[in-house]
Amino acid sequence: MVDFKIDGRMTVNSLKNKFKETFGASLRVYNGNNAGRGARFADDKLQLGTISDEKGAIKAGSEFSVTEEMTVGEFEKAFQDAFDIAVQVASADDSKLLDNASKLVDAKNN
């Protein structure tokens, strides 16, 4: 069973790399909690704790666990609830967003 932990000290780039290595899918990370029209991608060099709209949302030492049995939708919502940062799971080549009902374990097949 695959799972990994995310904390506020992690950089955007290290999160995206670890996600792709673990699940074979791309992760789009946005500045703050908006992934809608006009949203901007977060700078890869920044720590997660610095891009949250709620600066207190990520406290030192807080962690978020990701498991392969989560659906894309569950992961995106839980991540936003935990860190107040919008993310979207995309195909390995980052050309399309994955269906919210698909499981993370199946992401590499999309």
PDB file of N, CA and C in Angstrom:
ATOM      1  N   MET A   1       0.839  -1.190   0.000  1.00  0.00           N
ATOM      2  CA  MET A   1       0.000   0.000   0.000  1.00  0.00           C
ATOM      3  C   MET A   1       0.879   1.247   0.000  1.00  0.00           C
ATOM      4  N   VAL A   2       0.569   2.138  -0.893  1.00  0.00           N
ATOM      5  CA  VAL A   2       1.331   3.366  -1.044  1.00  0.00           C
ATOM      6  C   VAL A   2       0.682   4.467  -0.222  1.00  0.00           C
ATOM      7  N   ASP A   3       1.499   5.210   0.476  1.00  0.00           N
ATOM      8  CA  ASP A   3       1.010   6.437   1.081  1.00  0.00           C
ATOM      9  C   ASP A   3       2.190   7.322   1.426  1.00  0.00           C
ATOM     10  N   PHE A   4       1.956   8.601   1.453  1.00  0.00           N
ATOM     11  CA  PHE A   4       3.007   9.521   1.863  1.00  0.00           C
ATOM     12  C   PHE A   4       2.403  10.692   2.603  1.00  0.00           C
ATOM     13  N   LYS A   5       3.248  11.397   3.310  1.00  0.00           N
ATOM     14  CA  LYS A   5       2.804  12.512   4.126  1.00  0.00           C
ATOM     15  C   LYS A   5       3.271  13.829   3.514  1.00  0.00           C
ATOM     16  N   ILE A   6       2.442  14.847   3.670  1.00  0.00           N
ATOM     17  CA  ILE A   6       2.728  16.176   3.167  1.00  0.00           C
ATOM     18  C   ILE A   6       2.740  17.113   4.363  1.00  0.00           C
ATOM     19  N   ASP A   7       3.723  18.006   4.422  1.00  0.00           N
ATOM     20  CA  ASP A   7       3.715  19.013   5.477  1.00  0.00           C
ATOM     21  C   ASP A   7       4.024  20.383   4.884  1.00  0.00           C
ATOM     22  N   GLY A   8       3.798  21.413   5.657  1.00  0.00           N
ATOM     23  CA  GLY A   8       3.919  22.792   5.199  1.00  0.00           C
ATOM     24  C   GLY A   8       5.325  23.228   4.849  1.00  0.00           C
ATOM     25  N   ARG A   9       6.325  22.485   5.270  1.00  0.00           N
ATOM     26  CA  ARG A   9       7.711  22.843   4.944  1.00  0.00           C
ATOM     27  C   ARG A   9       8.111  22.344   3.559  1.00  0.00           C
ATOM     28  N   MET A  10       7.315  21.458   2.989  1.00  0.00           N
ATOM     29  CA  MET A  10       7.595  20.887   1.683  1.00  0.00           C
ATOM     30  C   MET A  10       7.473  21.965   0.608  1.00  0.00           C
ATOM     31  N   THR A  11       8.372  21.945  -0.378  1.00  0.00           N
ATOM     32  CA  THR A  11       8.233  22.888  -1.488  1.00  0.00           C
ATOM     33  C   THR A  11       7.200  22.364  -2.484  1.00  0.00           C
ATOM     34  N   VAL A  12       6.669  23.264  -3.262  1.00  0.00           N
ATOM     35  CA  VAL A  12       5.705  22.893  -4.292  1.00  0.00           C
ATOM     36  C   VAL A  12       6.336  21.867  -5.227  1.00  0.00           C
ATOM     37  N   ASN A  13       7.568  22.107  -5.643  1.00  0.00           N
ATOM     38  CA  ASN A  13       8.248  21.193  -6.564  1.00  0.00           C
ATOM     39  C   ASN A  13       8.432  19.802  -5.965  1.00  0.00           C
ATOM     40  N   SER A  14       8.842  19.731  -4.699  1.00  0.00           N
ATOM     41  CA  SER A  14       9.043  18.411  -4.095  1.00  0.00           C
ATOM     42  C   SER A  14       7.714  17.675  -3.946  1.00  0.00           C
ATOM     43  N   LEU A  15       6.626  18.391  -3.657  1.00  0.00           N
ATOM     44  CA  LEU A  15       5.307  17.769  -3.586  1.00  0.00           C
ATOM     45  C   LEU A  15       4.914  17.211  -4.953  1.00  0.00           C
ATOM     46  N   LYS A  16       5.066  18.005  -6.001  1.00  0.00           N
ATOM     47  CA  LYS A  16       4.695  17.563  -7.343  1.00  0.00           C
ATOM     48  C   LYS A  16       5.535  16.363  -7.781  1.00  0.00           C
ATOM     49  N   ASN A  17       6.824  16.402  -7.495  1.00  0.00           N
ATOM     50  CA  ASN A  17       7.695  15.282  -7.869  1.00  0.00           C
ATOM     51  C   ASN A  17       7.338  14.008  -7.115  1.00  0.00           C
ATOM     52  N   LYS A  18       7.095  14.136  -5.820  1.00  0.00           N
ATOM     53  CA  LYS A  18       6.754  12.961  -5.015  1.00  0.00           C
ATOM     54  C   LYS A  18       5.400  12.384  -5.441  1.00  0.00           C
ATOM     55  N   PHE A  19       4.460  13.261  -5.759  1.00  0.00           N
ATOM     56  CA  PHE A  19       3.148  12.810  -6.205  1.00  0.00           C
ATOM     57  C   PHE A  19       3.271  12.035  -7.518  1.00  0.00           C
ATOM     58  N   LYS A  20       4.031  12.573  -8.453  1.00  0.00           N
ATOM     59  CA  LYS A  20       4.202  11.912  -9.748  1.00  0.00           C
ATOM     60  C   LYS A  20       4.933  10.587  -9.588  1.00  0.00           C
ATOM     61  N   GLU A  21       5.955  10.560  -8.757  1.00  0.00           N
ATOM     62  CA  GLU A  21       6.711   9.324  -8.499  1.00  0.00           C
ATOM     63  C   GLU A  21       5.820   8.261  -7.865  1.00  0.00           C
ATOM     64  N   THR A  22       4.951   8.669  -6.971  1.00  0.00           N
ATOM     65  CA  THR A  22       4.097   7.737  -6.239  1.00  0.00           C
ATOM     66  C   THR A  22       2.895   7.274  -7.055  1.00  0.00           C
ATOM     67  N   PHE A  23       2.213   8.212  -7.723  1.00  0.00           N
ATOM     68  CA  PHE A  23       0.949   7.891  -8.387  1.00  0.00           C
ATOM     69  C   PHE A  23       1.016   7.936  -9.911  1.00  0.00           C
ATOM     70  N   GLY A  24       2.124   8.401 -10.472  1.00  0.00           N
ATOM     71  CA  GLY A  24       2.264   8.450 -11.929  1.00  0.00           C
ATOM     72  C   GLY A  24       1.424   9.516 -12.596  1.00  0.00           C
ATOM     73  N   ALA A  25       0.955  10.485 -11.831  1.00  0.00           N
ATOM     74  CA  ALA A  25       0.123  11.567 -12.361  1.00  0.00           C
ATOM     75  C   ALA A  25       0.747  12.909 -11.998  1.00  0.00           C
ATOM     76  N   SER A  26       0.357  13.931 -12.736  1.00  0.00           N
ATOM     77  CA  SER A  26       0.835  15.283 -12.444  1.00  0.00           C
ATOM     78  C   SER A  26      -0.071  15.919 -11.402  1.00  0.00           C
ATOM     79  N   LEU A  27       0.494  16.830 -10.649  1.00  0.00           N
ATOM     80  CA  LEU A  27      -0.279  17.568  -9.656  1.00  0.00           C
ATOM     81  C   LEU A  27      -0.128  19.050  -9.954  1.00  0.00           C
ATOM     82  N   ARG A  28      -1.240  19.713 -10.145  1.00  0.00           N
ATOM     83  CA  ARG A  28      -1.244  21.161 -10.355  1.00  0.00           C
ATOM     84  C   ARG A  28      -1.506  21.817  -9.007  1.00  0.00           C
ATOM     85  N   VAL A  29      -0.623  22.703  -8.603  1.00  0.00           N
ATOM     86  CA  VAL A  29      -0.723  23.381  -7.310  1.00  0.00           C
ATOM     87  C   VAL A  29      -0.901  24.868  -7.585  1.00  0.00           C
ATOM     88  N   TYR A  30      -1.912  25.452  -6.962  1.00  0.00           N
ATOM     89  CA  TYR A  30      -2.264  26.847  -7.211  1.00  0.00           C
ATOM     90  C   TYR A  30      -1.891  27.742  -6.044  1.00  0.00           C
ATOM     91  N   ASN A  31      -1.769  29.026  -6.331  1.00  0.00           N
ATOM     92  CA  ASN A  31      -1.592  30.017  -5.274  1.00  0.00           C
ATOM     93  C   ASN A  31      -2.916  30.137  -4.541  1.00  0.00           C
ATOM     94  N   GLY A  32      -2.945  29.794  -3.281  1.00  0.00           N
ATOM     95  CA  GLY A  32      -4.166  29.911  -2.497  1.00  0.00           C
ATOM     96  C   GLY A  32      -5.204  28.862  -2.830  1.00  0.00           C
ATOM     97  N   ASN A  33      -6.465  29.189  -2.527  1.00  0.00           N
ATOM     98  CA  ASN A  33      -7.521  28.177  -2.598  1.00  0.00           C
ATOM     99  C   ASN A  33      -8.395  28.271  -3.842  1.00  0.00           C
ATOM    100  N   ASN A  34      -7.924  28.934  -4.893  1.00  0.00           N
ATOM    101  CA  ASN A  34      -8.721  29.088  -6.098  1.00  0.00           C
ATOM    102  C   ASN A  34      -8.060  28.370  -7.267  1.00  0.00           C
ATOM    103  N   ALA A  35      -8.783  27.414  -7.865  1.00  0.00           N
ATOM    104  CA  ALA A  35      -8.284  26.715  -9.052  1.00  0.00           C
ATOM    105  C   ALA A  35      -9.116  27.068 -10.270  1.00  0.00           C
ATOM    106  N   GLY A  36      -9.992  28.069 -10.127  1.00  0.00           N
ATOM    107  CA  GLY A  36     -10.887  28.439 -11.217  1.00  0.00           C
ATOM    108  C   GLY A  36     -10.228  29.335 -12.251  1.00  0.00           C
ATOM    109  N   ARG A  37     -11.039  29.877 -13.091  1.00  0.00           N
ATOM    110  CA  ARG A  37     -10.576  30.754 -14.167  1.00  0.00           C
ATOM    111  C   ARG A  37      -9.732  31.895 -13.592  1.00  0.00           C
ATOM    112  N   GLY A  38      -8.598  32.120 -14.194  1.00  0.00           N
ATOM    113  CA  GLY A  38      -7.710  33.195 -13.756  1.00  0.00           C
ATOM    114  C   GLY A  38      -6.779  32.804 -12.622  1.00  0.00           C
ATOM    115  N   ALA A  39      -6.901  31.582 -12.121  1.00  0.00           N
ATOM    116  CA  ALA A  39      -6.023  31.131 -11.031  1.00  0.00           C
ATOM    117  C   ALA A  39      -4.597  30.992 -11.549  1.00  0.00           C
ATOM    118  N   ARG A  40      -3.648  31.220 -10.658  1.00  0.00           N
ATOM    119  CA  ARG A  40      -2.242  31.122 -11.035  1.00  0.00           C
ATOM    120  C   ARG A  40      -1.598  29.942 -10.325  1.00  0.00           C
ATOM    121  N   PHE A  41      -0.685  29.296 -11.059  1.00  0.00           N
ATOM    122  CA  PHE A  41       0.072  28.196 -10.462  1.00  0.00           C
ATOM    123  C   PHE A  41       1.053  28.740  -9.435  1.00  0.00           C
ATOM    124  N   ALA A  42       1.278  27.963  -8.398  1.00  0.00           N
ATOM    125  CA  ALA A  42       2.226  28.345  -7.360  1.00  0.00           C
ATOM    126  C   ALA A  42       3.655  28.193  -7.871  1.00  0.00           C
ATOM    127  N   ASP A  43       4.531  29.026  -7.391  1.00  0.00           N
ATOM    128  CA  ASP A  43       5.953  28.965  -7.719  1.00  0.00           C
ATOM    129  C   ASP A  43       6.536  27.685  -7.130  1.00  0.00           C
ATOM    130  N   ASP A  44       7.222  26.902  -7.950  1.00  0.00           N
ATOM    131  CA  ASP A  44       7.777  25.616  -7.523  1.00  0.00           C
ATOM    132  C   ASP A  44       8.758  25.722  -6.362  1.00  0.00           C
ATOM    133  N   LYS A  45       9.393  26.862  -6.190  1.00  0.00           N
ATOM    134  CA  LYS A  45      10.417  27.016  -5.148  1.00  0.00           C
ATOM    135  C   LYS A  45       9.835  27.316  -3.773  1.00  0.00           C
ATOM    136  N   LEU A  46       8.574  27.699  -3.723  1.00  0.00           N
ATOM    137  CA  LEU A  46       7.978  28.107  -2.455  1.00  0.00           C
ATOM    138  C   LEU A  46       7.546  26.918  -1.606  1.00  0.00           C
ATOM    139  N   GLN A  47       7.560  27.121  -0.301  1.00  0.00           N
ATOM    140  CA  GLN A  47       7.047  26.106   0.615  1.00  0.00           C
ATOM    141  C   GLN A  47       5.530  26.213   0.652  1.00  0.00           C
ATOM    142  N   LEU A  48       4.876  25.072   0.864  1.00  0.00           N
ATOM    143  CA  LEU A  48       3.410  25.050   0.898  1.00  0.00           C
ATOM    144  C   LEU A  48       2.857  26.044   1.918  1.00  0.00           C
ATOM    145  N   GLY A  49       3.519  26.161   3.038  1.00  0.00           N
ATOM    146  CA  GLY A  49       3.053  27.061   4.090  1.00  0.00           C
ATOM    147  C   GLY A  49       3.008  28.515   3.685  1.00  0.00           C
ATOM    148  N   THR A  50       3.735  28.891   2.637  1.00  0.00           N
ATOM    149  CA  THR A  50       3.760  30.296   2.221  1.00  0.00           C
ATOM    150  C   THR A  50       2.738  30.622   1.136  1.00  0.00           C
ATOM    151  N   ILE A  51       2.103  29.620   0.538  1.00  0.00           N
ATOM    152  CA  ILE A  51       1.148  29.905  -0.533  1.00  0.00           C
ATOM    153  C   ILE A  51      -0.307  29.740  -0.109  1.00  0.00           C
ATOM    154  N   SER A  52      -0.536  29.303   1.092  1.00  0.00           N
ATOM    155  CA  SER A  52      -1.890  29.130   1.598  1.00  0.00           C
ATOM    156  C   SER A  52      -2.558  30.486   1.797  1.00  0.00           C
ATOM    157  N   ASP A  53      -3.855  30.592   1.432  1.00  0.00           N
ATOM    158  CA  ASP A  53      -4.594  31.827   1.686  1.00  0.00           C
ATOM    159  C   ASP A  53      -4.765  32.059   3.186  1.00  0.00           C
ATOM    160  N   GLU A  54      -4.854  30.990   3.930  1.00  0.00           N
ATOM    161  CA  GLU A  54      -4.954  31.073   5.377  1.00  0.00           C
ATOM    162  C   GLU A  54      -3.566  30.779   5.931  1.00  0.00           C
ATOM    163  N   LYS A  55      -2.788  31.801   6.161  1.00  0.00           N
ATOM    164  CA  LYS A  55      -1.395  31.596   6.557  1.00  0.00           C
ATOM    165  C   LYS A  55      -1.264  30.712   7.804  1.00  0.00           C
ATOM    166  N   GLY A  56      -2.269  30.691   8.633  1.00  0.00           N
ATOM    167  CA  GLY A  56      -2.225  29.836   9.811  1.00  0.00           C
ATOM    168  C   GLY A  56      -2.699  28.420   9.553  1.00  0.00           C
ATOM    169  N   ALA A  57      -3.137  28.138   8.328  1.00  0.00           N
ATOM    170  CA  ALA A  57      -3.711  26.824   8.011  1.00  0.00           C
ATOM    171  C   ALA A  57      -2.670  25.720   8.098  1.00  0.00           C
ATOM    172  N   ILE A  58      -1.431  26.063   7.804  1.00  0.00           N
ATOM    173  CA  ILE A  58      -0.367  25.066   7.855  1.00  0.00           C
ATOM    174  C   ILE A  58       0.547  25.426   9.005  1.00  0.00           C
ATOM    175  N   LYS A  59       0.401  24.710  10.065  1.00  0.00           N
ATOM    176  CA  LYS A  59       1.216  24.955  11.244  1.00  0.00           C
ATOM    177  C   LYS A  59       2.462  24.075  11.177  1.00  0.00           C
ATOM    178  N   ALA A  60       3.518  24.549  11.744  1.00  0.00           N
ATOM    179  CA  ALA A  60       4.758  23.776  11.756  1.00  0.00           C
ATOM    180  C   ALA A  60       4.481  22.394  12.323  1.00  0.00           C
ATOM    181  N   GLY A  61       4.909  21.404  11.601  1.00  0.00           N
ATOM    182  CA  GLY A  61       4.747  20.032  12.056  1.00  0.00           C
ATOM    183  C   GLY A  61       3.437  19.382  11.660  1.00  0.00           C
ATOM    184  N   SER A  62       2.486  20.149  11.112  1.00  0.00           N
ATOM    185  CA  SER A  62       1.230  19.525  10.698  1.00  0.00           C
ATOM    186  C   SER A  62       1.473  18.698   9.447  1.00  0.00           C
ATOM    187  N   GLU A  63       0.763  17.589   9.344  1.00  0.00           N
ATOM    188  CA  GLU A  63       0.941  16.673   8.220  1.00  0.00           C
ATOM    189  C   GLU A  63      -0.410  16.286   7.637  1.00  0.00           C
ATOM    190  N   PHE A  64      -0.368  15.861   6.398  1.00  0.00           N
ATOM    191  CA  PHE A  64      -1.542  15.379   5.678  1.00  0.00           C
ATOM    192  C   PHE A  64      -1.117  14.078   5.008  1.00  0.00           C
ATOM    193  N   SER A  65      -1.856  13.011   5.222  1.00  0.00           N
ATOM    194  CA  SER A  65      -1.513  11.721   4.638  1.00  0.00           C
ATOM    195  C   SER A  65      -2.348  11.453   3.394  1.00  0.00           C
ATOM    196  N   VAL A  66      -1.690  10.943   2.371  1.00  0.00           N
ATOM    197  CA  VAL A  66      -2.340  10.585   1.115  1.00  0.00           C
ATOM    198  C   VAL A  66      -2.245   9.078   0.964  1.00  0.00           C
ATOM    199  N   THR A  67      -3.355   8.436   0.628  1.00  0.00           N
ATOM    200  CA  THR A  67      -3.331   6.996   0.373  1.00  0.00           C
ATOM    201  C   THR A  67      -3.801   6.718  -1.045  1.00  0.00           C
ATOM    202  N   GLU A  68      -3.379   5.618  -1.588  1.00  0.00           N
ATOM    203  CA  GLU A  68      -3.721   5.258  -2.967  1.00  0.00           C
ATOM    204  C   GLU A  68      -5.200   4.968  -3.156  1.00  0.00           C
ATOM    205  N   GLU A  69      -5.915   4.676  -2.094  1.00  0.00           N
ATOM    206  CA  GLU A  69      -7.343   4.357  -2.205  1.00  0.00           C
ATOM    207  C   GLU A  69      -8.227   5.596  -2.258  1.00  0.00           C
ATOM    208  N   MET A  70      -7.662   6.768  -2.039  1.00  0.00           N
ATOM    209  CA  MET A  70      -8.437   8.004  -2.144  1.00  0.00           C
ATOM    210  C   MET A  70      -8.819   8.227  -3.604  1.00  0.00           C
ATOM    211  N   THR A  71      -9.996   8.807  -3.829  1.00  0.00           N
ATOM    212  CA  THR A  71     -10.331   9.222  -5.185  1.00  0.00           C
ATOM    213  C   THR A  71      -9.672  10.583  -5.442  1.00  0.00           C
ATOM    214  N   VAL A  72      -9.600  10.944  -6.706  1.00  0.00           N
ATOM    215  CA  VAL A  72      -9.037  12.243  -7.067  1.00  0.00           C
ATOM    216  C   VAL A  72      -9.810  13.352  -6.357  1.00  0.00           C
ATOM    217  N   GLY A  73     -11.132  13.272  -6.394  1.00  0.00           N
ATOM    218  CA  GLY A  73     -11.966  14.278  -5.747  1.00  0.00           C
ATOM    219  C   GLY A  73     -11.761  14.346  -4.246  1.00  0.00           C
ATOM    220  N   GLU A  74     -11.659  13.187  -3.599  1.00  0.00           N
ATOM    221  CA  GLU A  74     -11.422  13.159  -2.149  1.00  0.00           C
ATOM    222  C   GLU A  74     -10.076  13.795  -1.807  1.00  0.00           C
ATOM    223  N   PHE A  75      -9.045  13.459  -2.588  1.00  0.00           N
ATOM    224  CA  PHE A  75      -7.726  14.022  -2.349  1.00  0.00           C
ATOM    225  C   PHE A  75      -7.740  15.541  -2.515  1.00  0.00           C
ATOM    226  N   GLU A  76      -8.316  16.029  -3.621  1.00  0.00           N
ATOM    227  CA  GLU A  76      -8.323  17.470  -3.877  1.00  0.00           C
ATOM    228  C   GLU A  76      -9.068  18.224  -2.776  1.00  0.00           C
ATOM    229  N   LYS A  77     -10.213  17.697  -2.353  1.00  0.00           N
ATOM    230  CA  LYS A  77     -10.995  18.363  -1.300  1.00  0.00           C
ATOM    231  C   LYS A  77     -10.280  18.302   0.046  1.00  0.00           C
ATOM    232  N   ALA A  78      -9.758  17.129   0.396  1.00  0.00           N
ATOM    233  CA  ALA A  78      -9.071  16.978   1.682  1.00  0.00           C
ATOM    234  C   ALA A  78      -7.822  17.860   1.738  1.00  0.00           C
ATOM    235  N   PHE A  79      -7.103  17.964   0.617  1.00  0.00           N
ATOM    236  CA  PHE A  79      -5.909  18.811   0.577  1.00  0.00           C
ATOM    237  C   PHE A  79      -6.301  20.271   0.779  1.00  0.00           C
ATOM    238  N   GLN A  80      -7.351  20.704   0.094  1.00  0.00           N
ATOM    239  CA  GLN A  80      -7.790  22.089   0.246  1.00  0.00           C
ATOM    240  C   GLN A  80      -8.299  22.353   1.660  1.00  0.00           C
ATOM    241  N   ASP A  81      -9.031  21.407   2.232  1.00  0.00           N
ATOM    242  CA  ASP A  81      -9.520  21.565   3.604  1.00  0.00           C
ATOM    243  C   ASP A  81      -8.360  21.643   4.599  1.00  0.00           C
ATOM    244  N   ALA A  82      -7.332  20.835   4.375  1.00  0.00           N
ATOM    245  CA  ALA A  82      -6.205  20.786   5.309  1.00  0.00           C
ATOM    246  C   ALA A  82      -5.286  21.999   5.193  1.00  0.00           C
ATOM    247  N   PHE A  83      -5.021  22.448   3.959  1.00  0.00           N
ATOM    248  CA  PHE A  83      -3.995  23.471   3.752  1.00  0.00           C
ATOM    249  C   PHE A  83      -4.511  24.780   3.166  1.00  0.00           C
ATOM    250  N   ASP A  84      -5.774  24.827   2.750  1.00  0.00           N
ATOM    251  CA  ASP A  84      -6.343  25.995   2.093  1.00  0.00           C
ATOM    252  C   ASP A  84      -5.564  26.346   0.822  1.00  0.00           C
ATOM    253  N   ILE A  85      -5.179  25.288   0.100  1.00  0.00           N
ATOM    254  CA  ILE A  85      -4.481  25.417  -1.182  1.00  0.00           C
ATOM    255  C   ILE A  85      -5.211  24.525  -2.181  1.00  0.00           C
ATOM    256  N   ALA A  86      -5.546  25.080  -3.331  1.00  0.00           N
ATOM    257  CA  ALA A  86      -6.213  24.297  -4.368  1.00  0.00           C
ATOM    258  C   ALA A  86      -5.192  23.476  -5.148  1.00  0.00           C
ATOM    259  N   VAL A  87      -5.544  22.228  -5.416  1.00  0.00           N
ATOM    260  CA  VAL A  87      -4.733  21.344  -6.262  1.00  0.00           C
ATOM    261  C   VAL A  87      -5.672  20.621  -7.216  1.00  0.00           C
ATOM    262  N   GLN A  88      -5.123  20.184  -8.345  1.00  0.00           N
ATOM    263  CA  GLN A  88      -5.869  19.353  -9.270  1.00  0.00           C
ATOM    264  C   GLN A  88      -4.942  18.261  -9.776  1.00  0.00           C
ATOM    265  N   VAL A  89      -5.483  17.051  -9.903  1.00  0.00           N
ATOM    266  CA  VAL A  89      -4.719  15.910 -10.390  1.00  0.00           C
ATOM    267  C   VAL A  89      -4.918  15.817 -11.892  1.00  0.00           C
ATOM    268  N   ALA A  90      -3.805  15.711 -12.614  1.00  0.00           N
ATOM    269  CA  ALA A  90      -3.838  15.658 -14.073  1.00  0.00           C
ATOM    270  C   ALA A  90      -3.110  14.415 -14.563  1.00  0.00           C
ATOM    271  N   SER A  91      -3.258  14.138 -15.847  1.00  0.00           N
ATOM    272  CA  SER A  91      -2.571  12.999 -16.467  1.00  0.00           C
ATOM    273  C   SER A  91      -1.054  13.158 -16.318  1.00  0.00           C
ATOM    274  N   ALA A  92      -0.332  12.078 -16.547  1.00  0.00           N
ATOM    275  CA  ALA A  92       1.121  12.095 -16.394  1.00  0.00           C
ATOM    276  C   ALA A  92       1.769  13.185 -17.235  1.00  0.00           C
ATOM    277  N   ASP A  93       1.245  13.421 -18.440  1.00  0.00           N
ATOM    278  CA  ASP A  93       1.813  14.455 -19.306  1.00  0.00           C
ATOM    279  C   ASP A  93       1.182  15.829 -19.055  1.00  0.00           C
ATOM    280  N   ASP A  94       0.317  15.923 -18.056  1.00  0.00           N
ATOM    281  CA  ASP A  94      -0.333  17.162 -17.633  1.00  0.00           C
ATOM    282  C   ASP A  94      -1.207  17.774 -18.728  1.00  0.00           C
ATOM    283  N   SER A  95      -1.746  16.937 -19.613  1.00  0.00           N
ATOM    284  CA  SER A  95      -2.552  17.451 -20.719  1.00  0.00           C
ATOM    285  C   SER A  95      -4.042  17.531 -20.398  1.00  0.00           C
ATOM    286  N   LYS A  96      -4.499  16.778 -19.375  1.00  0.00           N
ATOM    287  CA  LYS A  96      -5.922  16.797 -19.020  1.00  0.00           C
ATOM    288  C   LYS A  96      -6.080  16.499 -17.540  1.00  0.00           C
ATOM    289  N   LEU A  97      -7.168  17.018 -16.971  1.00  0.00           N
ATOM    290  CA  LEU A  97      -7.487  16.729 -15.575  1.00  0.00           C
ATOM    291  C   LEU A  97      -8.115  15.348 -15.488  1.00  0.00           C
ATOM    292  N   LEU A  98      -7.854  14.654 -14.394  1.00  0.00           N
ATOM    293  CA  LEU A  98      -8.426  13.324 -14.198  1.00  0.00           C
ATOM    294  C   LEU A  98      -9.810  13.435 -13.569  1.00  0.00           C
ATOM    295  N   ASP A  99     -10.632  12.453 -13.839  1.00  0.00           N
ATOM    296  CA  ASP A  99     -11.982  12.390 -13.313  1.00  0.00           C
ATOM    297  C   ASP A  99     -11.939  12.290 -11.793  1.00  0.00           C
ATOM    298  N   ASN A 100     -12.784  13.050 -11.126  1.00  0.00           N
ATOM    299  CA  ASN A 100     -12.809  13.063  -9.662  1.00  0.00           C
ATOM    300  C   ASN A 100     -13.162  11.719  -9.047  1.00  0.00           C
ATOM    301  N   ALA A 101     -13.837  10.849  -9.799  1.00  0.00           N
ATOM    302  CA  ALA A 101     -14.246   9.554  -9.261  1.00  0.00           C
ATOM    303  C   ALA A 101     -13.149   8.498  -9.362  1.00  0.00           C
ATOM    304  N   SER A 102     -12.102   8.764 -10.132  1.00  0.00           N
ATOM    305  CA  SER A 102     -11.048   7.753 -10.275  1.00  0.00           C
ATOM    306  C   SER A 102     -10.151   7.740  -9.042  1.00  0.00           C
ATOM    307  N   LYS A 103      -9.630   6.553  -8.732  1.00  0.00           N
ATOM    308  CA  LYS A 103      -8.757   6.409  -7.557  1.00  0.00           C
ATOM    309  C   LYS A 103      -7.336   6.815  -7.907  1.00  0.00           C
ATOM    310  N   LEU A 104      -6.638   7.325  -6.928  1.00  0.00           N
ATOM    311  CA  LEU A 104      -5.237   7.722  -7.153  1.00  0.00           C
ATOM    312  C   LEU A 104      -4.385   6.555  -7.621  1.00  0.00           C
ATOM    313  N   VAL A 105      -4.671   5.354  -7.121  1.00  0.00           N
ATOM    314  CA  VAL A 105      -3.899   4.180  -7.515  1.00  0.00           C
ATOM    315  C   VAL A 105      -4.019   3.909  -9.012  1.00  0.00           C
ATOM    316  N   ASP A 106      -5.115   4.350  -9.628  1.00  0.00           N
ATOM    317  CA  ASP A 106      -5.334   4.133 -11.046  1.00  0.00           C
ATOM    318  C   ASP A 106      -4.881   5.316 -11.904  1.00  0.00           C
ATOM    319  N   ALA A 107      -4.383   6.371 -11.276  1.00  0.00           N
ATOM    320  CA  ALA A 107      -4.037   7.604 -11.996  1.00  0.00           C
ATOM    321  C   ALA A 107      -3.018   7.392 -13.099  1.00  0.00           C
ATOM    322  N   LYS A 108      -2.053   6.503 -12.874  1.00  0.00           N
ATOM    323  CA  LYS A 108      -1.006   6.302 -13.888  1.00  0.00           C
ATOM    324  C   LYS A 108      -1.543   5.675 -15.165  1.00  0.00           C
ATOM    325  N   ASN A 109      -2.746   5.109 -15.105  1.00  0.00           N
ATOM    326  CA  ASN A 109      -3.346   4.482 -16.284  1.00  0.00           C
ATOM    327  C   ASN A 109      -4.169   5.452 -17.114  1.00  0.00           C
ATOM    328  N   ASN A 110      -4.247   6.708 -16.696  1.00  0.00           N
ATOM    329  CA  ASN A 110      -5.061   7.715 -17.412  1.00  0.00           C
ATOM    330  C   ASN A 110      -4.206   8.631 -18.239  1.00  0.00           C
TER     331      ASN A 110
END
